[in-house]
């Protein structure tokens, strides 16, 4: 231990950590991995990691966490939690820019104008789509796309002012769909966007979690004049089977280890619906799971499809992560 003239003390630990304590009660621990932990006389503590994330605790029990993606998670003394998402309607996960690229696009156009999109897509792509949706609550618009020799071209027309997100999605063999491009376009002169703040409820169990996801889905559908979907027990059984398959596989997937998908389950149950759709995901919270679906044009389109009349949902918690499946069906 080293004691300095100003009264502070420094302790160097064998693993490389260095602790400095000031006479006023402030201290800072610099760890060998580059992270730091500061404690303040009033009882506040602040930790920072090298990936840009941080956490802060207060004497009254409040906590603030900043994730490496820049999301701010605030937890009150009563455990109420809200998340302020970084950026303005950014894509929630990593984009697969290796699957498709686009030529430079404009980021502002007039109402009624066409947006022309050209680019390249990998040859192994089974299918690809060019979508746009208005944030926060708009429907999904699909473009007609021509594809030839690794190149594609499509166009979108925006009939209303607003803030839009243009996405290119690529499907690979095995019903694996990825978002390769996420581009913001402002149409006309809409009001500025506000940051997204999600109020996070306590996870009360799998059954309650499934009901929460149904409630969130119906809220989005009603906003656009769509009928609410009704809980169906047979579809719930299928969703639970799909959830078990997904967690057994250890990844978010529309296909089981044996190669079966939701349609195979429908056939075995001899269900006579003419159309079926599925959303799958994993997330820390139900609210971020739903938000992730709404920020992916393919998932948003599935959730808002006007053909749906019934739904089955399954969700479970494994090692602090929530895994979820929505199965929609209709005529």
C-alpha atoms as a PDB file:
ATOM      1  CA  UNK A   1       0.000   0.000   0.000  1.00  0.00           C
ATOM      2  CA  UNK A   2       1.226   3.496  -0.899  1.00  0.00           C
ATOM      3  CA  UNK A   3       0.091   6.566   1.060  1.00  0.00           C
ATOM      4  CA  UNK A   4       0.421   9.931  -0.715  1.00  0.00           C
ATOM      5  CA  UNK A   5       0.844  13.434   0.709  1.00  0.00           C
ATOM      6  CA  UNK A   6      -2.775  14.350   0.029  1.00  0.00           C
ATOM      7  CA  UNK A   7      -3.878  11.536   2.309  1.00  0.00           C
ATOM      8  CA  UNK A   8      -5.056   9.177  -0.425  1.00  0.00           C
ATOM      9  CA  UNK A   9      -4.041   5.521  -0.375  1.00  0.00           C
ATOM     10  CA  UNK A  10      -3.246   3.271  -3.326  1.00  0.00           C
ATOM     11  CA  UNK A  11      -3.292  -0.511  -3.185  1.00  0.00           C
ATOM     12  CA  UNK A  12      -1.928  -2.636  -6.020  1.00  0.00           C
ATOM     13  CA  UNK A  13      -3.209  -6.204  -6.169  1.00  0.00           C
ATOM     14  CA  UNK A  14      -1.257  -9.120  -7.544  1.00  0.00           C
ATOM     15  CA  UNK A  15      -3.679  -9.692 -10.460  1.00  0.00           C
ATOM     16  CA  UNK A  16      -3.095  -6.108 -11.632  1.00  0.00           C
ATOM     17  CA  UNK A  17      -6.053  -4.257 -10.068  1.00  0.00           C
ATOM     18  CA  UNK A  18      -5.306  -0.854  -8.540  1.00  0.00           C
ATOM     19  CA  UNK A  19      -7.476   0.674  -5.801  1.00  0.00           C
ATOM     20  CA  UNK A  20      -7.196   4.352  -4.872  1.00  0.00           C
ATOM     21  CA  UNK A  21      -9.039   5.700  -1.800  1.00  0.00           C
ATOM     22  CA  UNK A  22      -9.264   9.451  -1.054  1.00  0.00           C
ATOM     23  CA  UNK A  23      -9.697  10.979   2.425  1.00  0.00           C
ATOM     24  CA  UNK A  24     -13.182  12.260   1.484  1.00  0.00           C
ATOM     25  CA  UNK A  25     -14.426   8.681   0.957  1.00  0.00           C
ATOM     26  CA  UNK A  26     -14.219   8.616  -2.827  1.00  0.00           C
ATOM     27  CA  UNK A  27     -12.515   5.541  -4.262  1.00  0.00           C
ATOM     28  CA  UNK A  28     -11.803   4.100  -7.692  1.00  0.00           C
ATOM     29  CA  UNK A  29     -10.860   0.536  -8.565  1.00  0.00           C
ATOM     30  CA  UNK A  30      -9.084   0.160 -11.899  1.00  0.00           C
ATOM     31  CA  UNK A  31      -9.213  -3.477 -12.934  1.00  0.00           C
ATOM     32  CA  UNK A  32      -6.606  -5.253 -15.022  1.00  0.00           C
ATOM     33  CA  UNK A  33      -9.177  -5.741 -17.830  1.00  0.00           C
ATOM     34  CA  UNK A  34      -9.688  -1.959 -18.225  1.00  0.00           C
ATOM     35  CA  UNK A  35     -13.000  -1.687 -16.373  1.00  0.00           C
ATOM     36  CA  UNK A  36     -13.436   0.699 -13.434  1.00  0.00           C
ATOM     37  CA  UNK A  37     -15.567   0.938 -10.317  1.00  0.00           C
ATOM     38  CA  UNK A  38     -16.037   4.303  -8.589  1.00  0.00           C
ATOM     39  CA  UNK A  39     -17.726   4.781  -5.212  1.00  0.00           C
ATOM     40  CA  UNK A  40     -18.716   8.206  -3.914  1.00  0.00           C
ATOM     41  CA  UNK A  41     -19.125   9.551  -0.368  1.00  0.00           C
ATOM     42  CA  UNK A  42     -22.908   9.884  -0.728  1.00  0.00           C
ATOM     43  CA  UNK A  43     -23.184   6.142  -1.435  1.00  0.00           C
ATOM     44  CA  UNK A  44     -23.430   6.239  -5.215  1.00  0.00           C
ATOM     45  CA  UNK A  45     -21.424   3.716  -7.263  1.00  0.00           C
ATOM     46  CA  UNK A  46     -20.481   3.821 -10.964  1.00  0.00           C
ATOM     47  CA  UNK A  47     -19.024   0.955 -12.961  1.00  0.00           C
ATOM     48  CA  UNK A  48     -17.704   1.198 -16.512  1.00  0.00           C
ATOM     49  CA  UNK A  49     -16.656  -1.590 -18.901  1.00  0.00           C
ATOM     50  CA  UNK A  50     -14.385  -1.461 -21.913  1.00  0.00           C
ATOM     51  CA  UNK A  51     -17.237  -2.281 -24.308  1.00  0.00           C
ATOM     52  CA  UNK A  52     -18.854   1.084 -23.510  1.00  0.00           C
ATOM     53  CA  UNK A  53     -21.479  -0.280 -21.143  1.00  0.00           C
ATOM     54  CA  UNK A  54     -21.873   1.017 -17.590  1.00  0.00           C
ATOM     55  CA  UNK A  55     -24.022   0.734 -14.483  1.00  0.00           C
ATOM     56  CA  UNK A  56     -24.806   3.110 -11.642  1.00  0.00           C
ATOM     57  CA  UNK A  57     -26.470   2.526  -8.282  1.00  0.00           C
ATOM     58  CA  UNK A  58     -27.895   5.077  -5.841  1.00  0.00           C
ATOM     59  CA  UNK A  59     -28.458   5.005  -2.060  1.00  0.00           C
ATOM     60  CA  UNK A  60     -32.240   5.023  -2.517  1.00  0.00           C
ATOM     61  CA  UNK A  61     -32.097   1.754  -4.494  1.00  0.00           C
ATOM     62  CA  UNK A  62     -32.355   3.189  -8.013  1.00  0.00           C
ATOM     63  CA  UNK A  63     -30.176   1.669 -10.754  1.00  0.00           C
ATOM     64  CA  UNK A  64     -29.192   2.888 -14.224  1.00  0.00           C
ATOM     65  CA  UNK A  65     -27.582   0.604 -16.782  1.00  0.00           C
ATOM     66  CA  UNK A  66     -26.204   1.616 -20.184  1.00  0.00           C
ATOM     67  CA  UNK A  67     -25.795  -1.366 -22.519  1.00  0.00           C
ATOM     68  CA  UNK A  68     -23.037  -1.691 -25.088  1.00  0.00           C
ATOM     69  CA  UNK A  69     -25.626  -0.756 -27.748  1.00  0.00           C
ATOM     70  CA  UNK A  70     -26.377   2.467 -25.852  1.00  0.00           C
ATOM     71  CA  UNK A  71     -29.775   1.514 -24.438  1.00  0.00           C
ATOM     72  CA  UNK A  72     -30.548   3.073 -21.051  1.00  0.00           C
ATOM     73  CA  UNK A  73     -32.269   0.810 -18.496  1.00  0.00           C
ATOM     74  CA  UNK A  74     -33.604   2.603 -15.414  1.00  0.00           C
ATOM     75  CA  UNK A  75     -34.842   0.589 -12.450  1.00  0.00           C
ATOM     76  CA  UNK A  76     -36.628   2.366  -9.614  1.00  0.00           C
ATOM     77  CA  UNK A  77     -36.422   1.574  -5.930  1.00  0.00           C
ATOM     78  CA  UNK A  78     -39.777  -0.222  -6.321  1.00  0.00           C
ATOM     79  CA  UNK A  79     -38.301  -2.320  -9.191  1.00  0.00           C
ATOM     80  CA  UNK A  80     -40.313  -0.493 -11.861  1.00  0.00           C
ATOM     81  CA  UNK A  81     -38.226  -0.486 -15.019  1.00  0.00           C
ATOM     82  CA  UNK A  82     -38.126   1.519 -18.227  1.00  0.00           C
ATOM     83  CA  UNK A  83     -35.806   1.276 -21.218  1.00  0.00           C
ATOM     84  CA  UNK A  84     -34.864   4.239 -23.402  1.00  0.00           C
ATOM     85  CA  UNK A  85     -33.596   2.818 -26.681  1.00  0.00           C
ATOM     86  CA  UNK A  86     -30.554   4.349 -28.328  1.00  0.00           C
ATOM     87  CA  UNK A  87     -30.966   6.045 -31.681  1.00  0.00           C
ATOM     88  CA  UNK A  88     -34.314   6.526 -33.395  1.00  0.00           C
ATOM     89  CA  UNK A  89     -35.818   3.217 -34.524  1.00  0.00           C
ATOM     90  CA  UNK A  90     -32.539   1.547 -35.331  1.00  0.00           C
ATOM     91  CA  UNK A  91     -32.463  -2.136 -36.205  1.00  0.00           C
ATOM     92  CA  UNK A  92     -32.294  -4.042 -32.891  1.00  0.00           C
ATOM     93  CA  UNK A  93     -29.616  -6.607 -33.848  1.00  0.00           C
ATOM     94  CA  UNK A  94     -26.715  -6.916 -36.265  1.00  0.00           C
ATOM     95  CA  UNK A  95     -27.428  -6.501 -39.969  1.00  0.00           C
ATOM     96  CA  UNK A  96     -26.253  -9.146 -42.442  1.00  0.00           C
ATOM     97  CA  UNK A  97     -24.572  -6.851 -44.912  1.00  0.00           C
ATOM     98  CA  UNK A  98     -22.696  -9.852 -46.321  1.00  0.00           C
ATOM     99  CA  UNK A  99     -25.941 -11.148 -47.853  1.00  0.00           C
ATOM    100  CA  UNK A 100     -27.063  -8.047 -49.759  1.00  0.00           C
ATOM    101  CA  UNK A 101     -25.871  -4.525 -50.475  1.00  0.00           C
ATOM    102  CA  UNK A 102     -27.618  -1.520 -51.997  1.00  0.00           C
ATOM    103  CA  UNK A 103     -26.466   1.454 -54.009  1.00  0.00           C
ATOM    104  CA  UNK A 104     -26.559   4.777 -52.125  1.00  0.00           C
ATOM    105  CA  UNK A 105     -30.149   5.784 -51.350  1.00  0.00           C
ATOM    106  CA  UNK A 106     -31.610   9.197 -50.655  1.00  0.00           C
ATOM    107  CA  UNK A 107     -32.761   9.800 -47.086  1.00  0.00           C
ATOM    108  CA  UNK A 108     -35.463  12.377 -47.892  1.00  0.00           C
ATOM    109  CA  UNK A 109     -38.138  12.434 -50.625  1.00  0.00           C
ATOM    110  CA  UNK A 110     -41.474  14.105 -51.356  1.00  0.00           C
ATOM    111  CA  UNK A 111     -44.840  12.504 -50.686  1.00  0.00           C
ATOM    112  CA  UNK A 112     -45.940  10.494 -53.712  1.00  0.00           C
ATOM    113  CA  UNK A 113     -42.428  10.084 -55.115  1.00  0.00           C
ATOM    114  CA  UNK A 114     -40.858   6.742 -55.928  1.00  0.00           C
ATOM    115  CA  UNK A 115     -37.761   5.428 -54.162  1.00  0.00           C
ATOM    116  CA  UNK A 116     -35.676   3.293 -56.508  1.00  0.00           C
ATOM    117  CA  UNK A 117     -33.477   0.664 -54.867  1.00  0.00           C
ATOM    118  CA  UNK A 118     -30.735  -1.286 -56.645  1.00  0.00           C
ATOM    119  CA  UNK A 119     -28.234  -3.698 -55.199  1.00  0.00           C
ATOM    120  CA  UNK A 120     -26.632  -7.108 -55.116  1.00  0.00           C
ATOM    121  CA  UNK A 121     -27.651 -10.300 -53.332  1.00  0.00           C
ATOM    122  CA  UNK A 122     -25.788 -13.562 -52.733  1.00  0.00           C
ATOM    123  CA  UNK A 123     -26.497 -16.375 -55.173  1.00  0.00           C
ATOM    124  CA  UNK A 124     -27.504 -18.860 -52.431  1.00  0.00           C
ATOM    125  CA  UNK A 125     -30.468 -16.704 -51.462  1.00  0.00           C
ATOM    126  CA  UNK A 126     -33.703 -18.660 -51.836  1.00  0.00           C
ATOM    127  CA  UNK A 127     -35.730 -15.453 -51.867  1.00  0.00           C
ATOM    128  CA  UNK A 128     -35.388 -11.786 -51.066  1.00  0.00           C
ATOM    129  CA  UNK A 129     -37.775  -8.944 -50.240  1.00  0.00           C
ATOM    130  CA  UNK A 130     -37.744  -5.152 -50.292  1.00  0.00           C
ATOM    131  CA  UNK A 131     -40.019  -3.680 -47.614  1.00  0.00           C
ATOM    132  CA  UNK A 132     -40.816  -0.330 -46.020  1.00  0.00           C
ATOM    133  CA  UNK A 133     -42.872   0.638 -42.994  1.00  0.00           C
ATOM    134  CA  UNK A 134     -43.697   3.886 -41.245  1.00  0.00           C
ATOM    135  CA  UNK A 135     -42.474   4.200 -37.672  1.00  0.00           C
ATOM    136  CA  UNK A 136     -43.669   3.842 -35.091  1.00  0.00           C
ATOM    137  CA  UNK A 137     -47.000   2.219 -35.983  1.00  0.00           C
ATOM    138  CA  UNK A 138     -47.333   1.938 -39.763  1.00  0.00           C
ATOM    139  CA  UNK A 139     -48.131  -1.081 -41.921  1.00  0.00           C
ATOM    140  CA  UNK A 140     -45.602  -2.872 -44.116  1.00  0.00           C
ATOM    141  CA  UNK A 141     -45.404  -2.119 -47.845  1.00  0.00           C
ATOM    142  CA  UNK A 142     -43.723  -4.642 -50.144  1.00  0.00           C
ATOM    143  CA  UNK A 143     -42.051  -3.726 -53.426  1.00  0.00           C
ATOM    144  CA  UNK A 144     -42.014  -5.717 -56.632  1.00  0.00           C
ATOM    145  CA  UNK A 145     -38.421  -6.862 -57.037  1.00  0.00           C
ATOM    146  CA  UNK A 146     -36.674  -8.121 -60.142  1.00  0.00           C
ATOM    147  CA  UNK A 147     -33.617 -10.287 -59.529  1.00  0.00           C
ATOM    148  CA  UNK A 148     -31.074 -11.527 -62.039  1.00  0.00           C
ATOM    149  CA  UNK A 149     -27.448 -12.710 -61.913  1.00  0.00           C
ATOM    150  CA  UNK A 150     -26.832 -11.603 -58.348  1.00  0.00           C
ATOM    151  CA  UNK A 151     -28.406  -8.174 -58.828  1.00  0.00           C
ATOM    152  CA  UNK A 152     -31.831  -6.847 -57.866  1.00  0.00           C
ATOM    153  CA  UNK A 153     -33.940  -3.780 -58.462  1.00  0.00           C
ATOM    154  CA  UNK A 154     -37.186  -2.537 -56.925  1.00  0.00           C
ATOM    155  CA  UNK A 155     -39.090   0.604 -56.123  1.00  0.00           C
ATOM    156  CA  UNK A 156     -41.333   1.883 -53.348  1.00  0.00           C
ATOM    157  CA  UNK A 157     -43.875   4.677 -53.400  1.00  0.00           C
ATOM    158  CA  UNK A 158     -44.702   6.603 -50.239  1.00  0.00           C
ATOM    159  CA  UNK A 159     -48.214   8.054 -50.242  1.00  0.00           C
ATOM    160  CA  UNK A 160     -48.114   9.581 -46.767  1.00  0.00           C
ATOM    161  CA  UNK A 161     -45.710  11.882 -44.978  1.00  0.00           C
ATOM    162  CA  UNK A 162     -43.762  10.276 -42.187  1.00  0.00           C
ATOM    163  CA  UNK A 163     -40.613   8.557 -41.049  1.00  0.00           C
ATOM    164  CA  UNK A 164     -39.999   5.252 -42.824  1.00  0.00           C
ATOM    165  CA  UNK A 165     -37.573   2.364 -42.540  1.00  0.00           C
ATOM    166  CA  UNK A 166     -36.592   0.574 -45.732  1.00  0.00           C
ATOM    167  CA  UNK A 167     -35.334  -2.980 -45.314  1.00  0.00           C
ATOM    168  CA  UNK A 168     -33.892  -5.660 -47.560  1.00  0.00           C
ATOM    169  CA  UNK A 169     -34.472  -9.167 -46.211  1.00  0.00           C
ATOM    170  CA  UNK A 170     -32.797 -12.296 -47.557  1.00  0.00           C
ATOM    171  CA  UNK A 171     -34.004 -15.876 -47.097  1.00  0.00           C
ATOM    172  CA  UNK A 172     -31.416 -18.650 -47.062  1.00  0.00           C
ATOM    173  CA  UNK A 173     -32.095 -22.405 -47.280  1.00  0.00           C
ATOM    174  CA  UNK A 174     -33.788 -23.819 -44.152  1.00  0.00           C
ATOM    175  CA  UNK A 175     -36.287 -20.952 -43.747  1.00  0.00           C
ATOM    176  CA  UNK A 176     -33.583 -18.660 -42.388  1.00  0.00           C
ATOM    177  CA  UNK A 177     -34.386 -15.009 -43.056  1.00  0.00           C
ATOM    178  CA  UNK A 178     -32.042 -12.137 -42.244  1.00  0.00           C
ATOM    179  CA  UNK A 179     -32.220  -8.370 -42.561  1.00  0.00           C
ATOM    180  CA  UNK A 180     -29.321  -7.090 -44.628  1.00  0.00           C
ATOM    181  CA  UNK A 181     -30.247  -3.408 -45.058  1.00  0.00           C
ATOM    182  CA  UNK A 182     -32.054  -0.979 -42.737  1.00  0.00           C
ATOM    183  CA  UNK A 183     -32.281   2.573 -44.109  1.00  0.00           C
ATOM    184  CA  UNK A 184     -34.153   5.617 -42.772  1.00  0.00           C
ATOM    185  CA  UNK A 185     -36.170   7.725 -45.226  1.00  0.00           C
ATOM    186  CA  UNK A 186     -38.113  10.881 -44.359  1.00  0.00           C
ATOM    187  CA  UNK A 187     -41.129  11.554 -46.567  1.00  0.00           C
ATOM    188  CA  UNK A 188     -42.332  15.158 -46.688  1.00  0.00           C
ATOM    189  CA  UNK A 189     -42.005  17.236 -43.514  1.00  0.00           C
ATOM    190  CA  UNK A 190     -43.332  15.115 -40.627  1.00  0.00           C
ATOM    191  CA  UNK A 191     -42.989  15.933 -36.953  1.00  0.00           C
ATOM    192  CA  UNK A 192     -39.617  14.890 -35.466  1.00  0.00           C
ATOM    193  CA  UNK A 193     -39.411  11.432 -33.954  1.00  0.00           C
ATOM    194  CA  UNK A 194     -39.213  11.017 -30.187  1.00  0.00           C
ATOM    195  CA  UNK A 195     -36.924   8.472 -28.492  1.00  0.00           C
ATOM    196  CA  UNK A 196     -38.517   5.089 -27.838  1.00  0.00           C
ATOM    197  CA  UNK A 197     -39.228   4.424 -24.158  1.00  0.00           C
ATOM    198  CA  UNK A 198     -40.463   0.955 -23.183  1.00  0.00           C
ATOM    199  CA  UNK A 199     -42.132   0.360 -19.830  1.00  0.00           C
ATOM    200  CA  UNK A 200     -41.049  -3.115 -18.722  1.00  0.00           C
ATOM    201  CA  UNK A 201     -43.314  -5.216 -16.547  1.00  0.00           C
ATOM    202  CA  UNK A 202     -42.100  -7.888 -14.163  1.00  0.00           C
ATOM    203  CA  UNK A 203     -42.017 -11.357 -15.742  1.00  0.00           C
ATOM    204  CA  UNK A 204     -44.715 -13.283 -13.885  1.00  0.00           C
ATOM    205  CA  UNK A 205     -44.325 -16.680 -15.544  1.00  0.00           C
ATOM    206  CA  UNK A 206     -44.760 -18.416 -18.871  1.00  0.00           C
ATOM    207  CA  UNK A 207     -48.556 -18.318 -19.048  1.00  0.00           C
ATOM    208  CA  UNK A 208     -48.756 -14.640 -18.106  1.00  0.00           C
ATOM    209  CA  UNK A 209     -45.891 -13.860 -20.468  1.00  0.00           C
ATOM    210  CA  UNK A 210     -47.751 -15.441 -23.385  1.00  0.00           C
ATOM    211  CA  UNK A 211     -50.853 -13.398 -22.588  1.00  0.00           C
ATOM    212  CA  UNK A 212     -48.738 -10.223 -22.491  1.00  0.00           C
ATOM    213  CA  UNK A 213     -47.373 -10.899 -25.984  1.00  0.00           C
ATOM    214  CA  UNK A 214     -50.915 -11.452 -27.275  1.00  0.00           C
ATOM    215  CA  UNK A 215     -52.026  -8.173 -25.694  1.00  0.00           C
ATOM    216  CA  UNK A 216     -49.111  -6.292 -27.272  1.00  0.00           C
ATOM    217  CA  UNK A 217     -49.841  -7.837 -30.685  1.00  0.00           C
ATOM    218  CA  UNK A 218     -53.530  -6.960 -30.529  1.00  0.00           C
ATOM    219  CA  UNK A 219     -52.693  -3.399 -29.531  1.00  0.00           C
ATOM    220  CA  UNK A 220     -50.702  -2.999 -32.761  1.00  0.00           C
ATOM    221  CA  UNK A 221     -53.430  -4.621 -34.850  1.00  0.00           C
ATOM    222  CA  UNK A 222     -56.216  -2.442 -33.459  1.00  0.00           C
ATOM    223  CA  UNK A 223     -54.196   0.707 -34.224  1.00  0.00           C
ATOM    224  CA  UNK A 224     -54.395  -0.195 -37.917  1.00  0.00           C
ATOM    225  CA  UNK A 225     -58.028  -1.244 -37.853  1.00  0.00           C
ATOM    226  CA  UNK A 226     -57.271  -4.978 -37.838  1.00  0.00           C
ATOM    227  CA  UNK A 227     -59.323  -7.467 -35.860  1.00  0.00           C
ATOM    228  CA  UNK A 228     -57.843  -8.780 -32.640  1.00  0.00           C
ATOM    229  CA  UNK A 229     -56.601 -12.365 -32.744  1.00  0.00           C
ATOM    230  CA  UNK A 230     -58.187 -14.842 -30.331  1.00  0.00           C
ATOM    231  CA  UNK A 231     -56.240 -17.325 -28.236  1.00  0.00           C
ATOM    232  CA  UNK A 232     -56.566 -20.883 -29.597  1.00  0.00           C
ATOM    233  CA  UNK A 233     -55.511 -23.843 -27.457  1.00  0.00           C
ATOM    234  CA  UNK A 234     -54.463 -26.051 -30.397  1.00  0.00           C
ATOM    235  CA  UNK A 235     -52.266 -23.264 -31.754  1.00  0.00           C
ATOM    236  CA  UNK A 236     -50.903 -22.791 -28.224  1.00  0.00           C
ATOM    237  CA  UNK A 237     -49.934 -26.488 -28.175  1.00  0.00           C
ATOM    238  CA  UNK A 238     -48.126 -26.009 -31.481  1.00  0.00           C
ATOM    239  CA  UNK A 239     -46.355 -22.894 -30.186  1.00  0.00           C
ATOM    240  CA  UNK A 240     -45.220 -24.808 -27.097  1.00  0.00           C
ATOM    241  CA  UNK A 241     -43.932 -27.665 -29.263  1.00  0.00           C
ATOM    242  CA  UNK A 242     -42.080 -25.199 -31.469  1.00  0.00           C
ATOM    243  CA  UNK A 243     -40.627 -23.522 -28.391  1.00  0.00           C
ATOM    244  CA  UNK A 244     -39.311 -26.850 -27.086  1.00  0.00           C
ATOM    245  CA  UNK A 245     -37.769 -27.581 -30.485  1.00  0.00           C
ATOM    246  CA  UNK A 246     -36.143 -24.155 -30.598  1.00  0.00           C
ATOM    247  CA  UNK A 247     -34.648 -24.307 -27.105  1.00  0.00           C
ATOM    248  CA  UNK A 248     -33.443 -27.874 -27.733  1.00  0.00           C
ATOM    249  CA  UNK A 249     -31.704 -26.629 -30.873  1.00  0.00           C
ATOM    250  CA  UNK A 250     -30.252 -23.755 -28.874  1.00  0.00           C
ATOM    251  CA  UNK A 251     -31.041 -21.059 -31.416  1.00  0.00           C
ATOM    252  CA  UNK A 252     -33.921 -18.963 -32.671  1.00  0.00           C
ATOM    253  CA  UNK A 253     -35.165 -20.888 -35.689  1.00  0.00           C
ATOM    254  CA  UNK A 254     -38.273 -21.657 -37.729  1.00  0.00           C
ATOM    255  CA  UNK A 255     -37.045 -25.227 -38.273  1.00  0.00           C
ATOM    256  CA  UNK A 256     -36.426 -28.011 -35.724  1.00  0.00           C
ATOM    257  CA  UNK A 257     -33.342 -30.209 -35.607  1.00  0.00           C
ATOM    258  CA  UNK A 258     -35.287 -32.831 -37.610  1.00  0.00           C
ATOM    259  CA  UNK A 259     -36.193 -30.246 -40.268  1.00  0.00           C
ATOM    260  CA  UNK A 260     -39.845 -29.737 -39.304  1.00  0.00           C
ATOM    261  CA  UNK A 261     -41.574 -26.362 -39.230  1.00  0.00           C
ATOM    262  CA  UNK A 262     -44.880 -24.991 -37.995  1.00  0.00           C
ATOM    263  CA  UNK A 263     -46.780 -26.311 -41.033  1.00  0.00           C
ATOM    264  CA  UNK A 264     -45.790 -29.876 -40.189  1.00  0.00           C
ATOM    265  CA  UNK A 265     -47.358 -29.422 -36.759  1.00  0.00           C
ATOM    266  CA  UNK A 266     -50.535 -28.058 -38.355  1.00  0.00           C
ATOM    267  CA  UNK A 267     -50.796 -31.097 -40.640  1.00  0.00           C
ATOM    268  CA  UNK A 268     -50.365 -33.556 -37.773  1.00  0.00           C
ATOM    269  CA  UNK A 269     -53.163 -31.854 -35.852  1.00  0.00           C
ATOM    270  CA  UNK A 270     -55.331 -31.859 -39.010  1.00  0.00           C
ATOM    271  CA  UNK A 271     -56.085 -28.197 -38.586  1.00  0.00           C
ATOM    272  CA  UNK A 272     -57.931 -26.728 -41.552  1.00  0.00           C
ATOM    273  CA  UNK A 273     -56.704 -23.156 -41.546  1.00  0.00           C
ATOM    274  CA  UNK A 274     -55.805 -21.839 -44.995  1.00  0.00           C
ATOM    275  CA  UNK A 275     -52.904 -19.686 -43.791  1.00  0.00           C
ATOM    276  CA  UNK A 276     -50.381 -19.872 -40.967  1.00  0.00           C
ATOM    277  CA  UNK A 277     -47.522 -17.622 -39.845  1.00  0.00           C
ATOM    278  CA  UNK A 278     -44.896 -17.741 -37.139  1.00  0.00           C
ATOM    279  CA  UNK A 279     -42.696 -15.280 -35.254  1.00  0.00           C
ATOM    280  CA  UNK A 280     -39.801 -16.479 -33.099  1.00  0.00           C
ATOM    281  CA  UNK A 281     -37.337 -14.549 -30.939  1.00  0.00           C
ATOM    282  CA  UNK A 282     -35.263 -14.361 -27.792  1.00  0.00           C
ATOM    283  CA  UNK A 283     -34.820 -11.242 -25.649  1.00  0.00           C
ATOM    284  CA  UNK A 284     -34.253 -10.069 -22.089  1.00  0.00           C
ATOM    285  CA  UNK A 285     -37.790  -8.701 -21.739  1.00  0.00           C
ATOM    286  CA  UNK A 286     -41.197  -9.325 -23.311  1.00  0.00           C
ATOM    287  CA  UNK A 287     -41.416  -5.681 -24.330  1.00  0.00           C
ATOM    288  CA  UNK A 288     -38.076  -5.748 -26.158  1.00  0.00           C
ATOM    289  CA  UNK A 289     -39.055  -9.035 -27.816  1.00  0.00           C
ATOM    290  CA  UNK A 290     -42.208  -7.422 -29.179  1.00  0.00           C
ATOM    291  CA  UNK A 291     -40.330  -4.256 -30.172  1.00  0.00           C
ATOM    292  CA  UNK A 292     -37.787  -6.397 -32.044  1.00  0.00           C
ATOM    293  CA  UNK A 293     -40.577  -8.016 -34.032  1.00  0.00           C
ATOM    294  CA  UNK A 294     -42.049  -4.609 -34.844  1.00  0.00           C
ATOM    295  CA  UNK A 295     -38.679  -3.325 -36.094  1.00  0.00           C
ATOM    296  CA  UNK A 296     -38.278  -6.237 -38.516  1.00  0.00           C
ATOM    297  CA  UNK A 297     -40.453  -5.840 -41.595  1.00  0.00           C
ATOM    298  CA  UNK A 298     -41.023  -9.592 -42.017  1.00  0.00           C
ATOM    299  CA  UNK A 299     -42.074 -10.082 -38.394  1.00  0.00           C
ATOM    300  CA  UNK A 300     -44.171  -6.887 -38.427  1.00  0.00           C
ATOM    301  CA  UNK A 301     -45.930  -8.051 -41.590  1.00  0.00           C
ATOM    302  CA  UNK A 302     -46.689 -11.420 -39.984  1.00  0.00           C
ATOM    303  CA  UNK A 303     -47.984  -9.852 -36.768  1.00  0.00           C
ATOM    304  CA  UNK A 304     -50.251  -7.376 -38.603  1.00  0.00           C
ATOM    305  CA  UNK A 305     -51.554  -9.736 -41.309  1.00  0.00           C
ATOM    306  CA  UNK A 306     -55.321  -9.049 -41.662  1.00  0.00           C
ATOM    307  CA  UNK A 307     -56.025 -12.717 -42.470  1.00  0.00           C
ATOM    308  CA  UNK A 308     -55.291 -13.892 -38.939  1.00  0.00           C
ATOM    309  CA  UNK A 309     -58.161 -14.784 -36.637  1.00  0.00           C
ATOM    310  CA  UNK A 310     -56.437 -16.975 -34.043  1.00  0.00           C
ATOM    311  CA  UNK A 311     -53.090 -17.154 -32.263  1.00  0.00           C
ATOM    312  CA  UNK A 312     -51.114 -19.434 -29.995  1.00  0.00           C
ATOM    313  CA  UNK A 313     -48.136 -18.117 -28.013  1.00  0.00           C
ATOM    314  CA  UNK A 314     -45.488 -19.822 -25.907  1.00  0.00           C
ATOM    315  CA  UNK A 315     -42.724 -18.178 -23.904  1.00  0.00           C
ATOM    316  CA  UNK A 316     -40.218 -19.401 -21.328  1.00  0.00           C
ATOM    317  CA  UNK A 317     -37.229 -18.098 -19.383  1.00  0.00           C
ATOM    318  CA  UNK A 318     -33.836 -19.830 -19.590  1.00  0.00           C
ATOM    319  CA  UNK A 319     -30.767 -18.429 -17.828  1.00  0.00           C
ATOM    320  CA  UNK A 320     -32.189 -14.916 -17.748  1.00  0.00           C
ATOM    321  CA  UNK A 321     -33.268 -14.895 -21.409  1.00  0.00           C
ATOM    322  CA  UNK A 322     -36.829 -15.146 -22.675  1.00  0.00           C
ATOM    323  CA  UNK A 323     -37.596 -17.345 -25.683  1.00  0.00           C
ATOM    324  CA  UNK A 324     -40.886 -16.788 -27.491  1.00  0.00           C
ATOM    325  CA  UNK A 325     -43.015 -18.232 -30.324  1.00  0.00           C
ATOM    326  CA  UNK A 326     -46.153 -16.772 -31.895  1.00  0.00           C
ATOM    327  CA  UNK A 327     -48.250 -18.961 -34.217  1.00  0.00           C
ATOM    328  CA  UNK A 328     -50.992 -17.167 -36.197  1.00  0.00           C
ATOM    329  CA  UNK A 329     -53.685 -18.794 -38.302  1.00  0.00           C
ATOM    330  CA  UNK A 330     -56.634 -17.692 -40.389  1.00  0.00           C
ATOM    331  CA  UNK A 331     -58.638 -18.046 -43.557  1.00  0.00           C
END
